[in-house]
Structures are given as structure tokens and as C-alpha cells.
N, C-alpha and C. Protein backbone atom coordinates (compact mmCIF):
# COMPACT_ATOMS: atom_id res chain seq x y z
N MET A 1 -4.26 12.21 -4.67
CA MET A 1 -4.73 10.85 -4.46
C MET A 1 -3.63 10.05 -3.75
N ILE A 2 -4.07 9.24 -2.82
CA ILE A 2 -3.11 8.37 -2.14
C ILE A 2 -3.55 6.92 -2.27
N PHE A 3 -2.57 6.06 -2.21
CA PHE A 3 -2.80 4.62 -2.21
C PHE A 3 -2.27 4.11 -0.88
N VAL A 4 -3.08 3.35 -0.18
CA VAL A 4 -2.73 2.93 1.18
C VAL A 4 -2.41 1.44 1.17
N ASP A 5 -1.21 1.12 1.63
CA ASP A 5 -0.77 -0.28 1.71
C ASP A 5 -1.52 -1.02 2.81
N SER A 6 -1.60 -2.31 2.64
CA SER A 6 -2.28 -3.14 3.64
C SER A 6 -1.65 -3.03 5.02
N SER A 7 -0.36 -2.71 5.10
CA SER A 7 0.30 -2.56 6.40
C SER A 7 -0.39 -1.48 7.24
N VAL A 8 -0.91 -0.46 6.58
CA VAL A 8 -1.61 0.61 7.29
C VAL A 8 -3.06 0.22 7.54
N TRP A 9 -3.72 -0.33 6.52
CA TRP A 9 -5.13 -0.73 6.69
C TRP A 9 -5.28 -1.75 7.81
N ILE A 10 -4.39 -2.71 7.90
CA ILE A 10 -4.50 -3.75 8.93
C ILE A 10 -4.38 -3.13 10.31
N ASP A 11 -3.40 -2.25 10.49
CA ASP A 11 -3.29 -1.55 11.77
C ASP A 11 -4.54 -0.72 12.04
N TYR A 12 -5.05 -0.05 11.02
CA TYR A 12 -6.23 0.79 11.16
C TYR A 12 -7.42 -0.03 11.65
N PHE A 13 -7.70 -1.15 11.00
CA PHE A 13 -8.85 -1.96 11.38
C PHE A 13 -8.64 -2.69 12.71
N ASN A 14 -7.39 -2.91 13.09
CA ASN A 14 -7.11 -3.53 14.39
C ASN A 14 -7.09 -2.51 15.52
N GLY A 15 -7.29 -1.24 15.19
CA GLY A 15 -7.33 -0.20 16.22
C GLY A 15 -5.96 0.20 16.73
N ASN A 16 -4.90 -0.14 15.98
CA ASN A 16 -3.55 0.25 16.38
C ASN A 16 -3.30 1.68 15.95
N LYS A 17 -3.06 2.53 16.92
CA LYS A 17 -2.84 3.95 16.64
C LYS A 17 -1.36 4.16 16.31
N THR A 18 -1.11 4.49 15.05
CA THR A 18 0.25 4.76 14.57
C THR A 18 0.21 6.06 13.78
N ALA A 19 1.38 6.60 13.48
CA ALA A 19 1.42 7.82 12.67
C ALA A 19 0.75 7.59 11.30
N PRO A 20 1.03 6.47 10.61
CA PRO A 20 0.33 6.25 9.33
C PRO A 20 -1.18 6.08 9.48
N THR A 21 -1.66 5.41 10.52
CA THR A 21 -3.11 5.27 10.67
C THR A 21 -3.75 6.61 11.01
N ASP A 22 -3.05 7.44 11.77
CA ASP A 22 -3.57 8.79 12.04
C ASP A 22 -3.68 9.59 10.75
N LEU A 23 -2.68 9.45 9.88
CA LEU A 23 -2.71 10.17 8.61
C LEU A 23 -3.83 9.62 7.71
N LEU A 24 -4.03 8.32 7.72
CA LEU A 24 -5.14 7.73 6.97
C LEU A 24 -6.47 8.27 7.48
N ASP A 25 -6.64 8.25 8.78
CA ASP A 25 -7.88 8.73 9.38
C ASP A 25 -8.14 10.20 9.01
N ALA A 26 -7.09 11.01 9.03
CA ALA A 26 -7.22 12.43 8.70
C ALA A 26 -7.51 12.65 7.21
N SER A 27 -7.14 11.67 6.37
CA SER A 27 -7.33 11.80 4.92
C SER A 27 -8.76 11.55 4.48
N PHE A 28 -9.52 10.77 5.27
CA PHE A 28 -10.90 10.48 4.88
C PHE A 28 -11.67 11.78 4.70
N GLY A 29 -12.32 11.92 3.56
CA GLY A 29 -13.14 13.09 3.29
C GLY A 29 -12.39 14.27 2.73
N SER A 30 -11.04 14.25 2.79
CA SER A 30 -10.29 15.40 2.28
C SER A 30 -9.35 15.03 1.13
N THR A 31 -8.93 13.80 1.06
CA THR A 31 -8.00 13.34 0.03
C THR A 31 -8.54 12.05 -0.57
N PRO A 32 -8.63 11.97 -1.89
CA PRO A 32 -9.08 10.70 -2.48
C PRO A 32 -8.13 9.55 -2.13
N ILE A 33 -8.70 8.47 -1.66
CA ILE A 33 -7.94 7.27 -1.30
C ILE A 33 -8.33 6.19 -2.29
N ILE A 34 -7.34 5.68 -3.02
CA ILE A 34 -7.58 4.68 -4.04
C ILE A 34 -7.44 3.28 -3.43
N MET A 35 -8.35 2.39 -3.81
CA MET A 35 -8.28 0.99 -3.38
C MET A 35 -7.92 0.14 -4.59
N GLY A 36 -7.07 -0.85 -4.38
CA GLY A 36 -6.69 -1.80 -5.43
C GLY A 36 -7.08 -3.21 -5.04
N ASP A 37 -7.21 -4.06 -6.04
CA ASP A 37 -7.66 -5.43 -5.81
C ASP A 37 -6.73 -6.23 -4.89
N LEU A 38 -5.43 -6.06 -5.04
CA LEU A 38 -4.50 -6.82 -4.21
C LEU A 38 -4.59 -6.39 -2.74
N ILE A 39 -4.73 -5.10 -2.52
CA ILE A 39 -4.86 -4.58 -1.15
C ILE A 39 -6.19 -5.04 -0.56
N LEU A 40 -7.24 -4.97 -1.35
CA LEU A 40 -8.56 -5.42 -0.89
C LEU A 40 -8.49 -6.87 -0.41
N THR A 41 -7.84 -7.72 -1.18
CA THR A 41 -7.69 -9.13 -0.80
C THR A 41 -6.86 -9.28 0.47
N GLU A 42 -5.70 -8.62 0.51
CA GLU A 42 -4.81 -8.74 1.68
C GLU A 42 -5.51 -8.32 2.97
N VAL A 43 -6.26 -7.24 2.89
CA VAL A 43 -6.89 -6.71 4.10
C VAL A 43 -8.08 -7.58 4.51
N LEU A 44 -8.96 -7.89 3.58
CA LEU A 44 -10.19 -8.59 3.94
C LEU A 44 -9.97 -10.05 4.33
N GLN A 45 -8.94 -10.68 3.81
CA GLN A 45 -8.73 -12.09 4.13
C GLN A 45 -8.38 -12.31 5.60
N GLY A 46 -7.97 -11.28 6.29
CA GLY A 46 -7.54 -11.44 7.67
C GLY A 46 -8.64 -11.36 8.72
N PHE A 47 -9.84 -10.98 8.32
CA PHE A 47 -10.92 -10.83 9.30
C PHE A 47 -11.48 -12.18 9.71
N GLN A 48 -11.62 -12.38 11.01
CA GLN A 48 -12.21 -13.62 11.51
C GLN A 48 -13.71 -13.47 11.71
N SER A 49 -14.14 -12.32 12.17
CA SER A 49 -15.55 -12.05 12.43
C SER A 49 -16.26 -11.64 11.14
N ASP A 50 -17.41 -12.25 10.87
CA ASP A 50 -18.20 -11.89 9.69
C ASP A 50 -18.65 -10.44 9.76
N LYS A 51 -19.02 -10.00 10.95
CA LYS A 51 -19.48 -8.62 11.12
C LYS A 51 -18.37 -7.64 10.79
N ASP A 52 -17.16 -7.87 11.32
CA ASP A 52 -16.03 -6.99 11.04
C ASP A 52 -15.66 -7.03 9.56
N PHE A 53 -15.70 -8.23 8.97
CA PHE A 53 -15.43 -8.37 7.54
C PHE A 53 -16.38 -7.51 6.72
N LYS A 54 -17.66 -7.58 7.02
CA LYS A 54 -18.67 -6.84 6.26
C LYS A 54 -18.50 -5.33 6.44
N THR A 55 -18.18 -4.91 7.66
CA THR A 55 -17.96 -3.48 7.91
C THR A 55 -16.78 -2.97 7.10
N ALA A 56 -15.67 -3.70 7.17
CA ALA A 56 -14.48 -3.30 6.42
C ALA A 56 -14.72 -3.37 4.92
N ARG A 57 -15.38 -4.43 4.46
CA ARG A 57 -15.68 -4.57 3.04
C ARG A 57 -16.49 -3.38 2.53
N ASP A 58 -17.51 -3.00 3.28
CA ASP A 58 -18.35 -1.88 2.86
C ASP A 58 -17.56 -0.58 2.78
N LEU A 59 -16.69 -0.35 3.76
CA LEU A 59 -15.86 0.85 3.75
C LEU A 59 -14.92 0.83 2.55
N LEU A 60 -14.22 -0.27 2.35
CA LEU A 60 -13.22 -0.35 1.29
C LEU A 60 -13.85 -0.31 -0.10
N LEU A 61 -15.02 -0.92 -0.25
CA LEU A 61 -15.69 -0.91 -1.55
C LEU A 61 -16.28 0.46 -1.88
N GLY A 62 -16.37 1.33 -0.90
CA GLY A 62 -16.84 2.69 -1.12
C GLY A 62 -15.76 3.63 -1.65
N LEU A 63 -14.52 3.16 -1.70
CA LEU A 63 -13.41 3.98 -2.18
C LEU A 63 -13.26 3.84 -3.70
N PRO A 64 -12.71 4.85 -4.36
CA PRO A 64 -12.40 4.69 -5.79
C PRO A 64 -11.49 3.48 -5.98
N PHE A 65 -11.75 2.71 -7.04
CA PHE A 65 -11.07 1.43 -7.23
C PHE A 65 -10.26 1.42 -8.52
N MET A 66 -9.08 0.79 -8.45
CA MET A 66 -8.25 0.58 -9.64
C MET A 66 -7.73 -0.85 -9.62
N PRO A 67 -7.90 -1.61 -10.72
CA PRO A 67 -7.28 -2.93 -10.79
C PRO A 67 -5.76 -2.77 -10.86
N MET A 68 -5.03 -3.70 -10.26
CA MET A 68 -3.59 -3.53 -10.13
C MET A 68 -2.76 -4.45 -11.03
N GLY A 69 -3.37 -5.38 -11.71
CA GLY A 69 -2.62 -6.36 -12.47
C GLY A 69 -2.46 -6.00 -13.94
N GLY A 70 -2.22 -7.02 -14.71
CA GLY A 70 -2.06 -6.87 -16.14
C GLY A 70 -0.64 -7.10 -16.59
N ARG A 71 -0.51 -7.34 -17.89
CA ARG A 71 0.79 -7.68 -18.48
C ARG A 71 1.82 -6.58 -18.30
N GLU A 72 1.43 -5.34 -18.59
CA GLU A 72 2.39 -4.22 -18.52
C GLU A 72 2.93 -4.05 -17.10
N LEU A 73 2.04 -4.09 -16.12
CA LEU A 73 2.49 -3.92 -14.73
C LEU A 73 3.32 -5.12 -14.27
N ALA A 74 2.97 -6.30 -14.74
CA ALA A 74 3.75 -7.49 -14.39
C ALA A 74 5.18 -7.37 -14.91
N LEU A 75 5.32 -6.92 -16.14
CA LEU A 75 6.66 -6.73 -16.71
C LEU A 75 7.43 -5.64 -16.00
N GLU A 76 6.78 -4.52 -15.73
CA GLU A 76 7.44 -3.43 -15.01
C GLU A 76 7.88 -3.89 -13.62
N SER A 77 7.02 -4.65 -12.94
CA SER A 77 7.35 -5.14 -11.60
C SER A 77 8.55 -6.08 -11.64
N ALA A 78 8.59 -6.97 -12.62
CA ALA A 78 9.73 -7.88 -12.75
C ALA A 78 11.01 -7.11 -13.02
N MET A 79 10.92 -6.10 -13.90
CA MET A 79 12.12 -5.31 -14.20
C MET A 79 12.56 -4.52 -12.96
N ASN A 80 11.61 -3.98 -12.20
CA ASN A 80 11.97 -3.26 -10.98
C ASN A 80 12.60 -4.19 -9.95
N TYR A 81 12.06 -5.40 -9.80
CA TYR A 81 12.63 -6.36 -8.86
C TYR A 81 14.07 -6.68 -9.27
N ARG A 82 14.29 -6.95 -10.55
CA ARG A 82 15.63 -7.27 -11.05
C ARG A 82 16.58 -6.09 -10.85
N PHE A 83 16.10 -4.88 -11.10
CA PHE A 83 16.92 -3.69 -10.91
C PHE A 83 17.36 -3.57 -9.45
N LEU A 84 16.42 -3.77 -8.55
CA LEU A 84 16.75 -3.70 -7.12
C LEU A 84 17.75 -4.78 -6.74
N ARG A 85 17.58 -5.99 -7.25
CA ARG A 85 18.53 -7.07 -6.97
C ARG A 85 19.94 -6.69 -7.43
N LYS A 86 20.03 -6.06 -8.60
CA LYS A 86 21.34 -5.64 -9.10
C LYS A 86 21.96 -4.57 -8.21
N LYS A 87 21.12 -3.84 -7.48
CA LYS A 87 21.60 -2.83 -6.54
C LYS A 87 21.91 -3.46 -5.18
N GLY A 88 21.71 -4.77 -5.06
CA GLY A 88 21.99 -5.47 -3.81
C GLY A 88 20.81 -5.50 -2.85
N VAL A 89 19.62 -5.18 -3.34
CA VAL A 89 18.43 -5.13 -2.50
C VAL A 89 17.50 -6.27 -2.89
N THR A 90 17.11 -7.07 -1.91
CA THR A 90 16.10 -8.09 -2.14
C THR A 90 14.86 -7.73 -1.36
N VAL A 91 13.80 -7.43 -2.06
CA VAL A 91 12.52 -7.12 -1.41
C VAL A 91 11.94 -8.45 -0.93
N ARG A 92 11.47 -8.47 0.32
CA ARG A 92 11.00 -9.72 0.93
C ARG A 92 9.75 -10.28 0.29
N LYS A 93 8.87 -9.42 -0.20
CA LYS A 93 7.60 -9.89 -0.74
C LYS A 93 7.38 -9.33 -2.14
N THR A 94 7.13 -10.22 -3.08
CA THR A 94 6.88 -9.81 -4.47
C THR A 94 5.71 -8.85 -4.55
N ILE A 95 4.69 -9.08 -3.75
CA ILE A 95 3.52 -8.19 -3.81
C ILE A 95 3.89 -6.75 -3.50
N ASP A 96 4.90 -6.53 -2.66
CA ASP A 96 5.32 -5.16 -2.37
C ASP A 96 5.95 -4.50 -3.61
N VAL A 97 6.68 -5.28 -4.41
CA VAL A 97 7.23 -4.73 -5.65
C VAL A 97 6.09 -4.37 -6.60
N ILE A 98 5.07 -5.21 -6.65
CA ILE A 98 3.91 -4.92 -7.51
C ILE A 98 3.21 -3.65 -7.04
N ILE A 99 3.00 -3.53 -5.74
CA ILE A 99 2.33 -2.34 -5.18
C ILE A 99 3.15 -1.09 -5.46
N GLY A 100 4.45 -1.16 -5.19
CA GLY A 100 5.32 0.00 -5.46
C GLY A 100 5.33 0.38 -6.93
N THR A 101 5.43 -0.62 -7.80
CA THR A 101 5.44 -0.37 -9.24
C THR A 101 4.11 0.23 -9.69
N PHE A 102 3.01 -0.28 -9.15
CA PHE A 102 1.69 0.26 -9.46
C PHE A 102 1.62 1.75 -9.12
N CYS A 103 2.11 2.11 -7.94
CA CYS A 103 2.08 3.51 -7.51
C CYS A 103 2.99 4.38 -8.39
N ILE A 104 4.16 3.87 -8.74
CA ILE A 104 5.06 4.61 -9.62
C ILE A 104 4.39 4.81 -10.98
N HIS A 105 3.85 3.74 -11.53
CA HIS A 105 3.23 3.77 -12.87
C HIS A 105 2.08 4.77 -12.93
N HIS A 106 1.28 4.83 -11.88
CA HIS A 106 0.09 5.69 -11.88
C HIS A 106 0.30 7.02 -11.14
N HIS A 107 1.53 7.29 -10.73
CA HIS A 107 1.89 8.55 -10.05
C HIS A 107 1.03 8.75 -8.80
N LEU A 108 0.94 7.71 -7.99
CA LEU A 108 0.18 7.77 -6.74
C LEU A 108 1.14 7.85 -5.55
N LEU A 109 0.78 8.64 -4.56
CA LEU A 109 1.52 8.65 -3.31
C LEU A 109 1.15 7.39 -2.52
N LEU A 110 2.13 6.74 -1.96
CA LEU A 110 1.89 5.53 -1.17
C LEU A 110 2.02 5.85 0.31
N LEU A 111 1.00 5.48 1.07
CA LEU A 111 1.05 5.55 2.52
C LEU A 111 1.28 4.12 3.00
N HIS A 112 2.38 3.90 3.70
CA HIS A 112 2.73 2.55 4.11
C HIS A 112 3.40 2.56 5.47
N ASP A 113 3.58 1.37 6.01
CA ASP A 113 4.34 1.17 7.24
C ASP A 113 5.13 -0.13 7.09
N ASP A 114 5.94 -0.19 6.02
CA ASP A 114 6.65 -1.41 5.66
C ASP A 114 7.99 -1.03 5.04
N ARG A 115 9.06 -1.46 5.64
CA ARG A 115 10.40 -1.07 5.18
C ARG A 115 10.76 -1.58 3.79
N ASP A 116 10.01 -2.55 3.27
CA ASP A 116 10.29 -3.05 1.92
C ASP A 116 10.14 -1.97 0.86
N PHE A 117 9.41 -0.92 1.15
CA PHE A 117 9.21 0.14 0.16
C PHE A 117 10.36 1.14 0.13
N ASP A 118 11.18 1.19 1.17
CA ASP A 118 12.25 2.17 1.24
C ASP A 118 13.22 2.12 0.06
N PRO A 119 13.69 0.93 -0.37
CA PRO A 119 14.58 0.92 -1.55
C PRO A 119 13.88 1.38 -2.83
N MET A 120 12.57 1.20 -2.88
CA MET A 120 11.84 1.66 -4.07
C MET A 120 11.79 3.19 -4.11
N VAL A 121 11.78 3.82 -2.94
CA VAL A 121 11.86 5.28 -2.87
C VAL A 121 13.24 5.71 -3.35
N THR A 122 14.27 5.08 -2.82
CA THR A 122 15.65 5.44 -3.11
C THR A 122 16.04 5.19 -4.56
N PHE A 123 15.73 4.00 -5.07
CA PHE A 123 16.24 3.60 -6.38
C PHE A 123 15.24 3.72 -7.54
N LEU A 124 13.94 3.73 -7.23
CA LEU A 124 12.94 3.71 -8.30
C LEU A 124 12.09 4.97 -8.36
N GLY A 125 12.24 5.86 -7.39
CA GLY A 125 11.48 7.11 -7.40
C GLY A 125 10.06 6.98 -6.89
N LEU A 126 9.78 5.93 -6.10
CA LEU A 126 8.46 5.80 -5.50
C LEU A 126 8.18 7.00 -4.60
N SER A 127 7.02 7.61 -4.77
CA SER A 127 6.62 8.74 -3.93
C SER A 127 5.79 8.23 -2.78
N VAL A 128 6.16 8.62 -1.58
CA VAL A 128 5.44 8.16 -0.40
C VAL A 128 4.92 9.34 0.40
N LEU A 129 3.84 9.07 1.10
CA LEU A 129 3.26 10.05 2.00
C LEU A 129 3.75 9.71 3.39
N ARG A 130 4.53 10.60 3.95
CA ARG A 130 5.11 10.34 5.28
C ARG A 130 4.38 11.15 6.33
N PRO A 131 4.01 10.48 7.42
CA PRO A 131 3.45 11.22 8.55
C PRO A 131 4.50 12.18 9.08
N PRO A 132 4.08 13.26 9.74
CA PRO A 132 5.01 14.25 10.26
C PRO A 132 6.14 13.66 11.08
N GLU A 133 5.84 12.78 12.00
CA GLU A 133 6.88 12.14 12.81
C GLU A 133 6.75 10.65 12.60
N SER A 134 7.42 10.13 11.58
CA SER A 134 7.30 8.71 11.22
C SER A 134 7.83 7.83 12.32
N ALA A 135 7.03 6.83 12.66
CA ALA A 135 7.46 5.81 13.60
C ALA A 135 8.30 4.79 12.83
N PRO A 136 9.11 4.00 13.52
CA PRO A 136 9.88 2.96 12.83
C PRO A 136 8.94 2.03 12.07
N GLN A 137 9.38 1.65 10.87
CA GLN A 137 8.55 0.78 10.04
C GLN A 137 8.79 -0.67 10.35
N LYS A 138 7.80 -1.47 10.03
CA LYS A 138 7.85 -2.91 10.30
C LYS A 138 8.74 -3.60 9.31
């Protein structure tokens, strides 16, 4: 099972061909792709066209779903953020710490295109799915 960050979904729906979007495309039908509420919100809020919104919504709602919040995950995320800060790393977006912690907690591979996850791989043991020839991350 893989969990796909909004950084990949946004490129995918915008038609941007990247190594992570190619891997996402190749995963459909062969690897379970989990959708979470935070990712669903991040991706769908960006659509301007109602038609595109509905198409994306239907695709995303067809994926297996897991809620991402709750007290336990909030505490784990705060502890992970503090741990990274003590290591001299400041993650730019709190939501990325929540996403990384969610994947660690549930033993999910993360497919992303965002450098904020790199310290979580190094210091927290986040497992990521890397395309064969990774392009530079955003």
C-alpha cells in the first residue's frame, strides 16, 4: 500500500509529467493507493473548474480511505516535530509532519515530491517510494 502526498496528486491532475506522477500512474490497478482526509482537502481545494473538481473527486473517493487525525496522531506529530527541531531541522509545513507521522504510524510507503519529507526519512524512519530516477524535489 502506498500513500500519495498532495505534491504528486497536484502535478498528476495538472498533467505535469514527473517521475513521481509516472510512478503513481503505473501504480493504479496494481498497488493499493490509500487516500486520507487531509490530502483529499489539499488536492480538491485547488480546482477552479467544477467539471475537473468532480472528475478528481470521483477518482479520489474511489480509493481506499483512512482518516488522518485524532489525539494519538496529533501527539505523535508534535513529538516528531520537536524531535526534528532538536536535530536542527525545521519542517516548513506542519501538515507535512502530520502526513509523515501518519505514514510512519500506519507503516505506509509515501510517494511524494517535497523535500520536507527528507529529514523524516533520515531521522524518523519514514519509508518512501522513490521513482527509479528521482527528479529534484520541490
